[in-house]
Amino acid sequence: MASDTRPAPASKAMFWGGWVMSVLPALGLLASAAMKFIQPEGMDKGFEKLGWPMSLALVLGVIELAGVLIYLFPPTAALGAILLTGYLGGAIATHTRIQDPFLSSMLPQIVLGMLLWGGLWLRDSRVRSILPLR
């Protein structure tokens, strides 16, 4: 006889804590996407430093926005977390390539990824069932 190993549904505190933890990185990523749409003065210098053509700013903003929207929609949240993890991994790789300092350029992306997955883990029992913490 197989035992049922599904995790219990999240308590209200766990569910809402997960949403708070999920919204924090989502807001940061939405602000980043907005900057790519607005393209404030001086942004071209930042893109140049990273080795990216400014012509990709809009494309990167759309990818970022789409990932956040997919992440915040509960039925597709796991897919959104995967897509945003890839996006953040690309940002880390870009900063590593140009040898930016770890604390100021890569640590924020690592923390965002941890918050994305931590918030999703708290609010979604399906994620807890495939990523059990014992």
Foldseek 3Di string as FASTA:
>chain_A
DDDDPQDDAFDPCLQVVLVVLQVVLLVVLLVQLVCLVVVDPPVCVVCVLLVHHNVCSNVLSVLSNVLSVLLVPVVRNVVSLVSLLVVLVVQLVSCVVSVHDCPPRNVVSVSSSVSSLSSCCSNPSVSCSVVPDD
